[in-house]
Amino acid sequence: MHKKATIIAVGALLLSAVLAADAAIIGERNWADSVYAYTSNIQNYGGTLMSPSTEFWLTGPSSADANGNNYAWDPGDPDYVAGWRSSAPGEYIIMQWNMGIPDLAGDDLTIRLYSGPLASANVLASVDGVDFTKIGTIGGGTSGYLRDAAFDFSGLFSGDVHFVKVERVADGTQSAMFFDSFAGVVPEPTALALLSLGVAAVIGRRNRR
């Protein structure tokens, strides 16, 4: 009985460590952990400039649509987005993941955003945060209406992606773009699932003795 309790306790500690390391894995998605870099004019829709205390606008799950109707300008919707207005050329944001995003079958990255109808941006990804490769583009949309832009890594990278960059292309009237969240796929089975199975197997073997 003492050995079983010890195994369970050790398993709980290991699971806690994995959860702490991969805290951004929520709802079977690997959400961005931090904002790695951004230009000086990055702001929310209301005009508040991004700072270290407001980087949460872009990390973790989507948070700009309180009532879930895919429209971010309803009363009560928090202004938890970040991006650029119509007259701010050369803007970019780089997001970072602690646990890299693997290249699986189908789409590997989903960016939730809204934009003006004439907006456009390039999307690039990197394993190391130094060398970036373009994986696609984002075009214009309907202002205030959230949508998902999905991207497939398509064998472009030798390892898991840890950095994603969005950089402005269009500039001028109705070209603003604001981002709500950045989500990568999670490998199956995840390290957490494997660890859980391993702990359960050890307990099972102990019980059969």
Protein backbone atom coordinates (compact mmCIF):
# COMPACT_ATOMS: atom_id res chain seq x y z
CA MET A 1 0.00 0.00 0.00
CA HIS A 2 2.86 2.34 0.85
CA LYS A 3 4.53 1.66 -2.53
CA LYS A 4 1.26 2.32 -4.36
CA ALA A 5 0.81 5.64 -2.55
CA THR A 6 4.38 6.60 -3.38
CA ILE A 7 3.88 5.82 -7.08
CA ILE A 8 0.68 7.87 -7.16
CA ALA A 9 2.40 10.79 -5.44
CA VAL A 10 5.34 10.69 -7.85
CA GLY A 11 2.95 10.46 -10.78
CA ALA A 12 1.04 13.49 -9.54
CA LEU A 13 4.25 15.47 -9.26
CA LEU A 14 5.31 14.51 -12.77
CA LEU A 15 1.90 15.41 -14.17
CA SER A 16 2.05 18.76 -12.40
CA ALA A 17 5.44 19.43 -13.94
CA VAL A 18 4.14 18.66 -17.42
CA LEU A 19 1.10 20.86 -16.91
CA ALA A 20 3.31 23.71 -15.72
CA ALA A 21 5.61 23.35 -18.72
CA ASP A 22 2.74 23.15 -21.21
CA ALA A 23 0.30 25.46 -19.46
CA ALA A 24 -0.84 26.94 -22.77
CA ILE A 25 -2.27 23.62 -23.99
CA ILE A 26 -5.97 24.20 -23.47
CA GLY A 27 -8.82 22.61 -25.36
CA GLU A 28 -6.47 20.46 -27.45
CA ARG A 29 -4.68 23.53 -28.80
CA ASN A 30 -1.19 24.83 -28.14
CA TRP A 31 -1.74 28.54 -27.56
CA ALA A 32 1.10 31.07 -27.86
CA ASP A 33 2.95 31.52 -24.57
CA SER A 34 4.50 34.96 -25.03
CA VAL A 35 5.02 37.93 -27.32
CA TYR A 36 8.63 37.68 -28.48
CA ALA A 37 8.89 41.03 -30.28
CA TYR A 38 6.72 43.77 -31.77
CA THR A 39 7.01 47.23 -33.29
CA SER A 40 6.31 50.40 -31.36
CA ASN A 41 2.86 51.16 -32.78
CA ILE A 42 1.24 47.82 -31.93
CA GLN A 43 -1.95 48.59 -29.98
CA ASN A 44 -5.44 47.41 -29.21
CA TYR A 45 -8.44 48.72 -31.13
CA GLY A 46 -9.01 51.48 -28.58
CA GLY A 47 -5.51 52.84 -29.11
CA THR A 48 -3.69 51.63 -25.99
CA LEU A 49 -0.15 50.70 -26.96
CA MET A 50 1.05 47.21 -26.17
CA SER A 51 3.42 46.92 -23.20
CA PRO A 52 4.77 44.04 -21.10
CA SER A 53 1.65 44.32 -18.91
CA THR A 54 -0.74 43.93 -21.85
CA GLU A 55 0.90 41.14 -23.83
CA PHE A 56 -1.82 38.85 -22.44
CA TRP A 57 -4.03 40.29 -25.20
CA LEU A 58 -2.37 37.82 -27.59
CA THR A 59 -1.36 34.87 -25.42
CA GLY A 60 -3.58 31.97 -24.43
CA PRO A 61 -7.06 31.25 -25.82
CA SER A 62 -9.18 33.78 -27.69
CA SER A 63 -10.65 36.39 -25.36
CA ALA A 64 -12.10 39.25 -27.41
CA ASP A 65 -15.60 37.82 -27.94
CA ALA A 66 -17.47 37.58 -24.65
CA ASN A 67 -20.78 36.31 -26.06
CA GLY A 68 -19.32 33.98 -28.68
CA ASN A 69 -21.02 35.49 -31.74
CA ASN A 70 -17.75 36.13 -33.63
CA TYR A 71 -18.24 39.89 -33.41
CA ALA A 72 -15.72 41.72 -31.22
CA TRP A 73 -17.42 45.10 -30.89
CA ASP A 74 -20.51 44.22 -28.87
CA PRO A 75 -21.02 45.94 -25.50
CA GLY A 76 -19.11 43.92 -22.94
CA ASP A 77 -16.57 42.49 -25.38
CA PRO A 78 -13.08 43.13 -23.94
CA ASP A 79 -10.63 44.98 -26.20
CA TYR A 80 -8.12 42.14 -25.83
CA VAL A 81 -6.66 42.32 -29.32
CA ALA A 82 -3.45 43.79 -30.69
CA GLY A 83 -2.40 44.92 -34.13
CA TRP A 84 -2.13 47.98 -36.31
CA ARG A 85 -4.32 50.82 -37.50
CA SER A 86 -4.74 52.05 -41.06
CA SER A 87 -1.75 54.41 -41.03
CA ALA A 88 1.12 52.51 -39.41
CA PRO A 89 3.44 51.00 -42.07
CA GLY A 90 6.11 48.43 -41.32
CA GLU A 91 4.38 46.87 -38.31
CA TYR A 92 4.93 43.29 -37.13
CA ILE A 93 4.38 40.96 -34.17
CA ILE A 94 6.35 37.81 -33.31
CA MET A 95 4.72 35.22 -31.05
CA GLN A 96 6.58 32.47 -29.18
CA TRP A 97 5.67 28.94 -28.02
CA ASN A 98 7.49 27.10 -25.23
CA MET A 99 6.42 23.74 -26.63
CA GLY A 100 6.95 23.83 -30.37
CA ILE A 101 4.24 23.32 -32.98
CA PRO A 102 4.74 20.11 -34.98
CA ASP A 103 4.07 19.66 -38.68
CA LEU A 104 1.09 17.29 -38.81
CA ALA A 105 -1.35 16.40 -41.57
CA GLY A 106 -3.58 19.36 -42.37
CA ASP A 107 -3.44 22.83 -40.84
CA ASP A 108 -0.86 23.38 -38.09
CA LEU A 109 -1.48 27.01 -37.08
CA THR A 110 -4.67 29.03 -36.63
CA ILE A 111 -4.70 32.80 -36.14
CA ARG A 112 -7.91 34.47 -34.95
CA LEU A 113 -8.30 38.08 -36.02
CA TYR A 114 -10.44 40.79 -37.55
CA SER A 115 -9.43 43.36 -40.13
CA GLY A 116 -10.52 46.01 -42.56
CA PRO A 117 -11.48 44.97 -46.11
CA LEU A 118 -8.21 46.23 -47.64
CA ALA A 119 -5.87 44.72 -45.04
CA SER A 120 -3.15 42.20 -45.82
CA ALA A 121 -0.26 40.60 -43.97
CA ASN A 122 2.43 37.99 -44.47
CA VAL A 123 2.71 35.11 -42.02
CA LEU A 124 6.11 33.58 -41.37
CA ALA A 125 7.32 30.83 -39.03
CA SER A 126 10.65 29.85 -37.51
CA VAL A 127 12.21 27.06 -35.51
CA ASP A 128 14.81 29.28 -33.81
CA GLY A 129 13.48 32.84 -33.98
CA VAL A 130 16.25 33.86 -36.40
CA ASP A 131 15.44 32.35 -39.79
CA PHE A 132 11.81 32.86 -40.83
CA THR A 133 10.00 31.19 -43.73
CA LYS A 134 6.79 32.50 -45.24
CA ILE A 135 3.87 30.10 -44.76
CA GLY A 136 1.06 32.20 -46.18
CA THR A 137 -0.83 35.48 -46.20
CA ILE A 138 -3.89 37.02 -44.55
CA GLY A 139 -6.26 39.15 -46.60
CA GLY A 140 -8.97 41.64 -45.81
CA GLY A 141 -12.18 40.98 -43.92
CA THR A 142 -15.15 42.74 -42.35
CA SER A 143 -14.21 45.14 -39.57
CA GLY A 144 -15.02 43.81 -36.12
CA TYR A 145 -15.95 40.31 -37.28
CA LEU A 146 -13.57 37.65 -36.01
CA ARG A 147 -12.37 34.91 -38.34
CA ASP A 148 -9.75 32.17 -38.38
CA ALA A 149 -6.81 32.09 -40.78
CA ALA A 150 -5.26 28.60 -40.95
CA PHE A 151 -1.83 27.56 -42.21
CA ASP A 152 -0.12 24.27 -43.07
CA PHE A 153 3.64 24.02 -42.49
CA SER A 154 3.81 21.60 -45.45
CA GLY A 155 7.22 20.11 -44.65
CA LEU A 156 9.00 23.48 -44.67
CA PHE A 157 10.74 23.02 -41.33
CA SER A 158 13.28 20.55 -39.96
CA GLY A 159 11.90 20.80 -36.42
CA ASP A 160 8.96 22.09 -34.42
CA VAL A 161 8.03 25.74 -34.93
CA HIS A 162 8.52 27.99 -31.89
CA PHE A 163 8.02 31.43 -33.45
CA VAL A 164 5.36 32.94 -35.72
CA LYS A 165 5.59 36.42 -37.24
CA VAL A 166 2.79 38.47 -38.77
CA GLU A 167 4.01 41.46 -40.77
CA ARG A 168 1.97 44.18 -42.35
CA VAL A 169 1.77 44.45 -46.14
CA ALA A 170 -1.10 46.82 -47.02
CA ASP A 171 -1.11 50.33 -45.59
CA GLY A 172 -3.74 53.03 -45.79
CA THR A 173 -7.49 53.37 -45.43
CA GLN A 174 -9.38 50.27 -44.23
CA SER A 175 -6.18 48.20 -43.88
CA ALA A 176 -6.14 47.87 -40.08
CA MET A 177 -5.67 44.37 -38.64
CA PHE A 178 -6.07 43.17 -35.05
CA PHE A 179 -5.21 39.74 -33.67
CA ASP A 180 -7.03 37.85 -30.91
CA SER A 181 -5.08 34.59 -30.57
CA PHE A 182 -2.49 32.26 -32.08
CA ALA A 183 -2.99 28.49 -31.74
CA GLY A 184 -0.88 25.56 -32.87
CA VAL A 185 -1.74 21.89 -33.11
CA VAL A 186 -0.83 19.47 -30.33
CA PRO A 187 0.91 16.19 -31.20
CA GLU A 188 -1.07 13.05 -30.41
CA PRO A 189 -0.45 11.47 -28.06
CA THR A 190 0.94 14.41 -26.13
CA ALA A 191 3.67 14.04 -23.55
CA LEU A 192 1.01 14.49 -20.89
CA ALA A 193 -1.06 11.60 -22.21
CA LEU A 194 1.98 9.33 -22.44
CA LEU A 195 3.01 10.17 -18.92
CA SER A 196 -0.49 9.49 -17.60
CA LEU A 197 -0.54 6.08 -19.29
CA GLY A 198 2.90 5.28 -17.95
CA VAL A 199 1.94 6.06 -14.38
CA ALA A 200 -1.28 4.05 -14.71
CA ALA A 201 0.65 1.07 -16.11
CA VAL A 202 3.10 1.08 -13.24
CA ILE A 203 0.27 1.19 -10.71
CA GLY A 204 -1.48 -1.65 -12.54
CA ARG A 205 1.60 -3.85 -12.44
CA ARG A 206 2.04 -3.15 -8.75
CA ASN A 207 -1.57 -4.12 -8.06
CA ARG A 208 -1.19 -7.46 -9.84
CA ARG A 209 1.73 -8.53 -7.68
